[in-house]
C-alpha atoms as a PDB file:
ATOM      1  CA  MET A   1      62.824 105.813  94.808  1.00  0.00           C
ATOM      2  CA  LYS A   2      65.039 108.839  94.259  1.00  0.00           C
ATOM      3  CA  LEU A   3      68.274 108.368  92.315  1.00  0.00           C
ATOM      4  CA  THR A   4      71.098 110.949  92.287  1.00  0.00           C
ATOM      5  CA  TRP A   5      74.222 110.720  90.131  1.00  0.00           C
ATOM      6  CA  TRP A   6      77.379 111.885  91.921  1.00  0.00           C
ATOM      7  CA  GLY A   7      79.683 111.610  88.925  1.00  0.00           C
ATOM      8  CA  THR A   8      81.946 108.702  87.893  1.00  0.00           C
ATOM      9  CA  ALA A   9      80.104 105.473  88.835  1.00  0.00           C
ATOM     10  CA  GLY A  10      78.666 106.967  92.012  1.00  0.00           C
ATOM     11  CA  PHE A  11      74.977 107.035  92.912  1.00  0.00           C
ATOM     12  CA  HIS A  12      72.946 108.078  95.941  1.00  0.00           C
ATOM     13  CA  VAL A  13      69.687 106.137  96.260  1.00  0.00           C
ATOM     14  CA  LYS A  14      66.865 107.111  98.588  1.00  0.00           C
ATOM     15  CA  THR A  15      64.041 104.660  99.181  1.00  0.00           C
ATOM     16  CA  GLY A  16      61.114 104.934 101.539  1.00  0.00           C
ATOM     17  CA  LYS A  17      63.053 103.404 104.432  1.00  0.00           C
ATOM     18  CA  GLN A  18      66.733 103.420 103.485  1.00  0.00           C
ATOM     19  CA  THR A  19      69.480 105.487 101.927  1.00  0.00           C
ATOM     20  CA  PHE A  20      72.310 103.678 100.208  1.00  0.00           C
ATOM     21  CA  LEU A  21      75.290 104.600  98.042  1.00  0.00           C
ATOM     22  CA  ILE A  22      76.931 102.889  95.081  1.00  0.00           C
ATOM     23  CA  ASP A  23      80.626 103.584  94.341  1.00  0.00           C
ATOM     24  CA  PRO A  24      80.502 106.993  96.084  1.00  0.00           C
ATOM     25  CA  TYR A  25      83.590 108.783  94.768  1.00  0.00           C
ATOM     26  CA  LEU A  26      83.468 112.557  95.239  1.00  0.00           C
ATOM     27  CA  SER A  27      87.105 113.693  95.295  1.00  0.00           C
ATOM     28  CA  ARG A  28      88.376 115.504  92.223  1.00  0.00           C
ATOM     29  CA  ASN A  29      91.530 117.284  91.117  1.00  0.00           C
ATOM     30  CA  ALA A  30      91.634 120.837  89.802  1.00  0.00           C
ATOM     31  CA  GLY A  31      91.220 119.846  86.163  1.00  0.00           C
ATOM     32  CA  ALA A  32      88.102 117.705  86.570  1.00  0.00           C
ATOM     33  CA  ARG A  33      85.005 118.487  84.568  1.00  0.00           C
ATOM     34  CA  PRO A  34      82.305 118.884  85.517  1.00  0.00           C
ATOM     35  CA  LYS A  35      83.225 120.154  88.958  1.00  0.00           C
ATOM     36  CA  GLN A  36      81.878 118.297  91.988  1.00  0.00           C
ATOM     37  CA  SER A  37      80.630 120.608  94.739  1.00  0.00           C
ATOM     38  CA  ILE A  38      79.917 117.794  97.221  1.00  0.00           C
ATOM     39  CA  VAL A  39      82.745 116.468  99.395  1.00  0.00           C
ATOM     40  CA  PRO A  40      82.796 113.393 101.680  1.00  0.00           C
ATOM     41  CA  SER A  41      82.379 115.509 104.827  1.00  0.00           C
ATOM     42  CA  ASP A  42      78.984 116.629 103.480  1.00  0.00           C
ATOM     43  CA  ILE A  43      77.574 113.083 103.695  1.00  0.00           C
ATOM     44  CA  PHE A  44      75.815 112.274 106.955  1.00  0.00           C
ATOM     45  CA  GLU A  45      73.209 109.726 105.888  1.00  0.00           C
ATOM     46  CA  ALA A  46      73.872 106.308 104.367  1.00  0.00           C
ATOM     47  CA  ASP A  47      72.737 102.930 105.657  1.00  0.00           C
ATOM     48  CA  GLN A  48      74.712 100.837 103.176  1.00  0.00           C
ATOM     49  CA  ILE A  49      77.470 101.335 100.603  1.00  0.00           C
ATOM     50  CA  PHE A  50      77.860  98.942  97.663  1.00  0.00           C
ATOM     51  CA  LEU A  51      81.215  98.795  95.891  1.00  0.00           C
ATOM     52  CA  SER A  52      81.752  97.430  92.387  1.00  0.00           C
ATOM     53  CA  HIS A  53      85.558  97.118  92.611  1.00  0.00           C
ATOM     54  CA  GLY A  54      88.645  98.481  94.297  1.00  0.00           C
ATOM     55  CA  HIS A  55      90.017 101.133  91.913  1.00  0.00           C
ATOM     56  CA  PHE A  56      90.561 104.531  93.515  1.00  0.00           C
ATOM     57  CA  ASP A  57      87.772 106.263  91.566  1.00  0.00           C
ATOM     58  CA  HIS A  58      85.277 103.919  93.240  1.00  0.00           C
ATOM     59  CA  ILE A  59      86.691 103.252  96.715  1.00  0.00           C
ATOM     60  CA  PHE A  60      88.802 106.284  97.690  1.00  0.00           C
ATOM     61  CA  ASP A  61      86.143 108.204  99.661  1.00  0.00           C
ATOM     62  CA  ILE A  62      84.422 105.218 101.258  1.00  0.00           C
ATOM     63  CA  PRO A  63      86.486 105.133 104.494  1.00  0.00           C
ATOM     64  CA  ALA A  64      85.622 108.758 105.239  1.00  0.00           C
ATOM     65  CA  ILE A  65      81.955 108.403 104.305  1.00  0.00           C
ATOM     66  CA  ALA A  66      81.461 105.094 106.128  1.00  0.00           C
ATOM     67  CA  SER A  67      83.189 106.360 109.266  1.00  0.00           C
ATOM     68  CA  GLN A  68      80.955 109.419 109.327  1.00  0.00           C
ATOM     69  CA  THR A  69      77.668 107.644 108.544  1.00  0.00           C
ATOM     70  CA  GLY A  70      78.211 104.284 110.253  1.00  0.00           C
ATOM     71  CA  SER A  71      77.136 102.515 107.072  1.00  0.00           C
ATOM     72  CA  THR A  72      77.950  98.910 106.190  1.00  0.00           C
ATOM     73  CA  VAL A  73      80.153  98.467 103.113  1.00  0.00           C
ATOM     74  CA  TYR A  74      79.513  95.480 100.826  1.00  0.00           C
ATOM     75  CA  CYS A  75      82.551  94.589  98.705  1.00  0.00           C
ATOM     76  CA  CYS A  76      84.935  91.888  97.480  1.00  0.00           C
ATOM     77  CA  PRO A  77      87.782  90.563  99.705  1.00  0.00           C
ATOM     78  CA  VAL A  78      90.542  92.596  97.996  1.00  0.00           C
ATOM     79  CA  ALA A  79      88.573  95.834  98.409  1.00  0.00           C
ATOM     80  CA  ALA A  80      87.870  94.888 102.036  1.00  0.00           C
ATOM     81  CA  ASN A  81      91.621  94.676 102.682  1.00  0.00           C
ATOM     82  CA  THR A  82      92.114  98.094 101.098  1.00  0.00           C
ATOM     83  CA  LEU A  83      89.389  99.593 103.284  1.00  0.00           C
ATOM     84  CA  LYS A  84      90.985  98.111 106.411  1.00  0.00           C
ATOM     85  CA  GLN A  85      94.376  99.539 105.415  1.00  0.00           C
ATOM     86  CA  LYS A  86      92.689 102.928 105.066  1.00  0.00           C
ATOM     87  CA  GLY A  87      91.249 102.743 108.586  1.00  0.00           C
ATOM     88  CA  LEU A  88      87.807 101.175 108.294  1.00  0.00           C
ATOM     89  CA  THR A  89      86.943  98.592 110.962  1.00  0.00           C
ATOM     90  CA  ASN A  90      85.831  95.002 110.396  1.00  0.00           C
ATOM     91  CA  ASP A  91      82.364  95.565 111.837  1.00  0.00           C
ATOM     92  CA  GLN A  92      81.512  97.964 109.007  1.00  0.00           C
ATOM     93  CA  ILE A  93      82.632  95.645 106.190  1.00  0.00           C
ATOM     94  CA  GLN A  94      80.577  92.825 104.702  1.00  0.00           C
ATOM     95  CA  VAL A  95      82.614  90.722 102.284  1.00  0.00           C
ATOM     96  CA  VAL A  96      80.717  89.251  99.337  1.00  0.00           C
ATOM     97  CA  PRO A  97      81.646  85.557  99.582  1.00  0.00           C
ATOM     98  CA  GLU A  98      80.229  84.203  96.332  1.00  0.00           C
ATOM     99  CA  ASP A  99      78.665  84.931  92.971  1.00  0.00           C
ATOM    100  CA  GLY A 100      74.943  85.579  93.390  1.00  0.00           C
ATOM    101  CA  TYR A 101      75.267  86.658  97.018  1.00  0.00           C
ATOM    102  CA  SER A 102      71.899  88.013  98.167  1.00  0.00           C
ATOM    103  CA  VAL A 103      70.789  90.056 101.148  1.00  0.00           C
ATOM    104  CA  GLU A 104      67.405  91.362 102.293  1.00  0.00           C
ATOM    105  CA  LEU A 105      67.584  94.838 103.736  1.00  0.00           C
ATOM    106  CA  ASN A 106      64.984  97.191 105.158  1.00  0.00           C
ATOM    107  CA  GLY A 107      62.671  97.738 102.205  1.00  0.00           C
ATOM    108  CA  TYR A 108      64.741  96.296  99.367  1.00  0.00           C
ATOM    109  CA  ARG A 109      66.769  93.289  98.230  1.00  0.00           C
ATOM    110  CA  THR A 110      70.151  93.259  96.544  1.00  0.00           C
ATOM    111  CA  ARG A 111      72.262  90.652  94.771  1.00  0.00           C
ATOM    112  CA  ALA A 112      75.926  90.744  93.797  1.00  0.00           C
ATOM    113  CA  PHE A 113      77.119  89.078  90.596  1.00  0.00           C
ATOM    114  CA  PHE A 114      80.720  88.401  89.671  1.00  0.00           C
ATOM    115  CA  SER A 115      81.713  90.558  86.712  1.00  0.00           C
ATOM    116  CA  GLN A 116      84.893  91.778  85.016  1.00  0.00           C
ATOM    117  CA  HIS A 117      86.715  95.047  84.484  1.00  0.00           C
ATOM    118  CA  VAL A 118      86.832  96.519  81.006  1.00  0.00           C
ATOM    119  CA  LYS A 119      90.140  95.821  79.262  1.00  0.00           C
ATOM    120  CA  PHE A 120      91.920  99.081  78.454  1.00  0.00           C
ATOM    121  CA  ASP A 121      92.718  99.033  74.752  1.00  0.00           C
ATOM    122  CA  ARG A 122      96.082  99.975  73.258  1.00  0.00           C
ATOM    123  CA  TRP A 123      94.965 103.318  71.821  1.00  0.00           C
ATOM    124  CA  LEU A 124      93.479 104.481  75.095  1.00  0.00           C
ATOM    125  CA  LEU A 125      96.641 103.495  76.970  1.00  0.00           C
ATOM    126  CA  ILE A 126      98.848 105.336  74.478  1.00  0.00           C
ATOM    127  CA  LYS A 127      96.674 108.448  74.707  1.00  0.00           C
ATOM    128  CA  THR A 128      96.607 108.374  78.515  1.00  0.00           C
ATOM    129  CA  LEU A 129     100.339 107.774  78.889  1.00  0.00           C
ATOM    130  CA  THR A 130     101.038 110.602  76.438  1.00  0.00           C
ATOM    131  CA  HIS A 131      98.928 112.974  78.545  1.00  0.00           C
ATOM    132  CA  ILE A 132     100.531 111.863  81.820  1.00  0.00           C
ATOM    133  CA  ASN A 133     104.092 111.934  80.398  1.00  0.00           C
ATOM    134  CA  PHE A 134     106.645 112.898  83.094  1.00  0.00           C
ATOM    135  CA  ARG A 135     103.936 113.000  85.784  1.00  0.00           C
ATOM    136  CA  ILE A 136     103.649 109.196  85.925  1.00  0.00           C
ATOM    137  CA  PRO A 137     105.281 108.933  89.422  1.00  0.00           C
ATOM    138  CA  ARG A 138     102.622 111.293  90.785  1.00  0.00           C
ATOM    139  CA  TYR A 139      99.803 108.976  89.757  1.00  0.00           C
ATOM    140  CA  LEU A 140     101.360 105.585  90.526  1.00  0.00           C
ATOM    141  CA  PRO A 141      99.915 105.456  94.088  1.00  0.00           C
ATOM    142  CA  GLN A 142      96.375 105.650  92.703  1.00  0.00           C
ATOM    143  CA  MET A 143      97.118 102.540  90.665  1.00  0.00           C
ATOM    144  CA  ARG A 144      99.187 100.537  93.159  1.00  0.00           C
ATOM    145  CA  GLU A 145      97.307 101.258  96.395  1.00  0.00           C
ATOM    146  CA  TYR A 146      93.873 100.463  94.995  1.00  0.00           C
ATOM    147  CA  PRO A 147      93.839  97.035  93.283  1.00  0.00           C
ATOM    148  CA  VAL A 148      90.691  96.105  91.399  1.00  0.00           C
ATOM    149  CA  GLY A 149      89.843  92.792  93.100  1.00  0.00           C
ATOM    150  CA  GLN A 150      86.773  90.830  92.066  1.00  0.00           C
ATOM    151  CA  VAL A 151      84.460  93.103  90.096  1.00  0.00           C
ATOM    152  CA  LEU A 152      80.817  93.008  91.208  1.00  0.00           C
ATOM    153  CA  SER A 153      77.665  94.146  89.480  1.00  0.00           C
ATOM    154  CA  TRP A 154      74.773  94.929  91.803  1.00  0.00           C
ATOM    155  CA  ARG A 155      71.076  94.252  91.281  1.00  0.00           C
ATOM    156  CA  PHE A 156      68.588  96.106  93.470  1.00  0.00           C
ATOM    157  CA  GLU A 157      64.918  95.196  93.764  1.00  0.00           C
ATOM    158  CA  ILE A 158      63.085  98.230  95.131  1.00  0.00           C
ATOM    159  CA  ASP A 159      59.366  98.985  95.148  1.00  0.00           C
ATOM    160  CA  GLY A 160      58.711  96.446  92.399  1.00  0.00           C
ATOM    161  CA  GLN A 161      61.513  97.767  90.177  1.00  0.00           C
ATOM    162  CA  VAL A 162      64.856  96.211  89.252  1.00  0.00           C
ATOM    163  CA  VAL A 163      67.957  98.413  89.011  1.00  0.00           C
ATOM    164  CA  GLN A 164      71.205  96.906  87.687  1.00  0.00           C
ATOM    165  CA  HIS A 165      74.485  98.752  88.281  1.00  0.00           C
ATOM    166  CA  PHE A 166      77.800  98.035  86.568  1.00  0.00           C
ATOM    167  CA  GLY A 167      80.935  99.832  87.747  1.00  0.00           C
ATOM    168  CA  SER A 168      82.992  98.651  84.778  1.00  0.00           C
ATOM    169  CA  ALA A 169      82.056  97.357  81.335  1.00  0.00           C
ATOM    170  CA  GLY A 170      84.034  94.126  81.015  1.00  0.00           C
ATOM    171  CA  SER A 171      81.120  91.682  81.085  1.00  0.00           C
ATOM    172  CA  THR A 172      81.245  88.673  78.798  1.00  0.00           C
ATOM    173  CA  PRO A 173      78.298  87.738  76.545  1.00  0.00           C
ATOM    174  CA  GLU A 174      77.718  84.733  78.819  1.00  0.00           C
ATOM    175  CA  GLU A 175      77.464  86.966  81.879  1.00  0.00           C
ATOM    176  CA  LEU A 176      74.989  89.305  80.201  1.00  0.00           C
ATOM    177  CA  LYS A 177      72.892  86.383  78.983  1.00  0.00           C
ATOM    178  CA  ARG A 178      72.717  85.035  82.531  1.00  0.00           C
ATOM    179  CA  LEU A 179      71.684  88.422  83.893  1.00  0.00           C
ATOM    180  CA  SER A 180      68.957  88.776  81.293  1.00  0.00           C
ATOM    181  CA  ASP A 181      66.884  86.078  83.015  1.00  0.00           C
ATOM    182  CA  GLN A 182      65.047  88.779  84.956  1.00  0.00           C
ATOM    183  CA  PRO A 183      63.537  91.915  83.357  1.00  0.00           C
ATOM    184  CA  ILE A 184      65.507  95.063  84.233  1.00  0.00           C
ATOM    185  CA  ASP A 185      63.829  98.407  84.623  1.00  0.00           C
ATOM    186  CA  ILE A 186      66.860 100.677  85.092  1.00  0.00           C
ATOM    187  CA  LEU A 187      70.332  99.887  83.748  1.00  0.00           C
ATOM    188  CA  LEU A 188      73.269 101.942  85.029  1.00  0.00           C
ATOM    189  CA  VAL A 189      76.090 101.381  82.536  1.00  0.00           C
ATOM    190  CA  PRO A 190      79.601 102.931  82.589  1.00  0.00           C
ATOM    191  CA  LEU A 191      81.175 104.752  79.643  1.00  0.00           C
ATOM    192  CA  GLN A 192      84.883 104.802  80.496  1.00  0.00           C
ATOM    193  CA  GLY A 193      87.965 102.690  79.822  1.00  0.00           C
ATOM    194  CA  HIS A 194      87.973 101.957  76.094  1.00  0.00           C
ATOM    195  CA  THR A 195      88.073 103.950  72.856  1.00  0.00           C
ATOM    196  CA  ARG A 196      85.003 102.002  71.691  1.00  0.00           C
ATOM    197  CA  ILE A 197      83.189 102.194  75.001  1.00  0.00           C
ATOM    198  CA  CYS A 198      79.912 103.399  73.451  1.00  0.00           C
ATOM    199  CA  ASP A 199      79.777 100.252  71.294  1.00  0.00           C
ATOM    200  CA  ILE A 200      80.570  98.119  74.334  1.00  0.00           C
ATOM    201  CA  ALA A 201      77.848  99.771  76.426  1.00  0.00           C
ATOM    202  CA  LEU A 202      75.353  99.277  73.603  1.00  0.00           C
ATOM    203  CA  LYS A 203      75.818  95.504  73.904  1.00  0.00           C
ATOM    204  CA  TYR A 204      74.647  95.753  77.533  1.00  0.00           C
ATOM    205  CA  VAL A 205      71.437  97.440  76.420  1.00  0.00           C
ATOM    206  CA  GLN A 206      70.863  94.956  73.597  1.00  0.00           C
ATOM    207  CA  ALA A 207      71.373  91.998  75.931  1.00  0.00           C
ATOM    208  CA  LEU A 208      69.462  93.240  78.991  1.00  0.00           C
ATOM    209  CA  LYS A 209      66.704  95.250  77.250  1.00  0.00           C
ATOM    210  CA  PRO A 210      66.040  97.659  80.119  1.00  0.00           C
ATOM    211  CA  ARG A 211      63.121 100.055  80.204  1.00  0.00           C
ATOM    212  CA  MET A 212      65.612 102.880  80.835  1.00  0.00           C
ATOM    213  CA  VAL A 213      69.400 103.146  80.589  1.00  0.00           C
ATOM    214  CA  ILE A 214      71.414 105.767  82.450  1.00  0.00           C
ATOM    215  CA  PRO A 215      75.020 106.101  81.216  1.00  0.00           C
ATOM    216  CA  HIS A 216      77.582 107.135  83.832  1.00  0.00           C
ATOM    217  CA  HIS A 217      81.349 107.404  84.361  1.00  0.00           C
ATOM    218  CA  GLN A 218      81.602 109.492  81.172  1.00  0.00           C
ATOM    219  CA  ASP A 219      82.901 112.534  83.067  1.00  0.00           C
ATOM    220  CA  ASP A 220      86.536 113.655  83.077  1.00  0.00           C
ATOM    221  CA  PHE A 221      86.799 113.036  86.812  1.00  0.00           C
ATOM    222  CA  PHE A 222      90.582 112.925  87.319  1.00  0.00           C
ATOM    223  CA  PRO A 223      92.560 114.185  84.315  1.00  0.00           C
ATOM    224  CA  PRO A 224      94.984 113.218  82.856  1.00  0.00           C
ATOM    225  CA  ILE A 225      94.136 109.672  83.985  1.00  0.00           C
ATOM    226  CA  SER A 226      90.530 110.058  82.849  1.00  0.00           C
ATOM    227  CA  THR A 227      88.932 111.499  79.732  1.00  0.00           C
ATOM    228  CA  TYR A 228      85.546 112.944  78.826  1.00  0.00           C
ATOM    229  CA  VAL A 229      83.348 110.586  76.782  1.00  0.00           C
ATOM    230  CA  ASP A 230      80.692 111.983  74.450  1.00  0.00           C
ATOM    231  CA  VAL A 231      77.526 110.017  75.242  1.00  0.00           C
ATOM    232  CA  ARG A 232      75.614 111.194  72.162  1.00  0.00           C
ATOM    233  CA  PRO A 233      76.777 108.355  69.859  1.00  0.00           C
ATOM    234  CA  PHE A 234      75.666 105.869  72.508  1.00  0.00           C
ATOM    235  CA  ALA A 235      72.258 107.535  72.888  1.00  0.00           C
ATOM    236  CA  LYS A 236      71.810 107.589  69.101  1.00  0.00           C
ATOM    237  CA  GLU A 237      72.650 103.894  68.725  1.00  0.00           C
ATOM    238  CA  VAL A 238      70.292 102.927  71.541  1.00  0.00           C
ATOM    239  CA  ALA A 239      67.476 104.921  69.925  1.00  0.00           C
ATOM    240  CA  GLN A 240      68.082 103.201  66.584  1.00  0.00           C
ATOM    241  CA  THR A 241      68.584  99.619  67.744  1.00  0.00           C
ATOM    242  CA  CYS A 242      66.620  99.466  71.020  1.00  0.00           C
ATOM    243  CA  PRO A 243      63.601 101.767  70.532  1.00  0.00           C
ATOM    244  CA  ASN A 244      61.864 100.412  73.642  1.00  0.00           C
ATOM    245  CA  THR A 245      64.702 101.626  75.879  1.00  0.00           C
ATOM    246  CA  LYS A 246      64.724 105.240  77.019  1.00  0.00           C
ATOM    247  CA  VAL A 247      68.134 106.901  77.446  1.00  0.00           C
ATOM    248  CA  ARG A 248      68.378 109.262  80.419  1.00  0.00           C
ATOM    249  CA  ILE A 249      71.524 111.396  80.444  1.00  0.00           C
ATOM    250  CA  MET A 250      71.968 112.888  83.898  1.00  0.00           C
ATOM    251  CA  LYS A 251      73.928 115.947  84.983  1.00  0.00           C
ATOM    252  CA  ILE A 252      76.219 115.690  87.962  1.00  0.00           C
ATOM    253  CA  ASN A 253      74.278 115.801  91.267  1.00  0.00           C
ATOM    254  CA  GLU A 254      70.981 115.658  89.385  1.00  0.00           C
ATOM    255  CA  SER A 255      68.206 113.619  91.007  1.00  0.00           C
ATOM    256  CA  ILE A 256      65.336 111.775  89.373  1.00  0.00           C
ATOM    257  CA  SER A 257      62.359 109.985  90.894  1.00  0.00           C
ATOM    258  CA  ILE A 258      61.726 106.532  89.493  1.00  0.00           C
END
């Protein structure tokens, strides 16, 4: 299995028989860092696309990518409506009807679990609104046109390994306890949306005890709405409290074989 991080919560996964994408958001504005050299028109191969929720930094590029690749998009009902409004046809959308929804695909199995979006804290909101200032009307469409819907976490069973992806870090302790019933090899955990996000992400590692954790979404993908998150405090805390978990910090568009 080959895993490539595309920035934000986006991943490209290549297995022996299939190629699938998770939250493939590639578009950036001029101030983004790091820069993303790949654009949606570069993507020609994807059998499936799995969406965690409907915010623009997860869903925006899916209509273009899915139309070009013919891939099936798995998502919640609210995100499905957004995709239809943006031009995607019904035959390319598979709505996740229930918590624990499972599907066997060519060479791997995936399950969708109902999750929650991280709650933006007061200090982060104040900081973001201060940065946006008079430009608020410019960014309102990104917020209004792309409602979150039901948040999904995705579990992939590939070649004897279990990969768990979260697109947002709002999980309750009860949710994490339920997900810990199966050993997880690779945990993909987001670091965005809260001033104490590193502490929040650490709780995921402590609860799920993965063999490896890959932090994502820490990039400043769409300033001034987004912000860069220093992952070093998170990596340090994992090393101190979860010594059996390896932290793998990826660079944008970097690939690793697992």
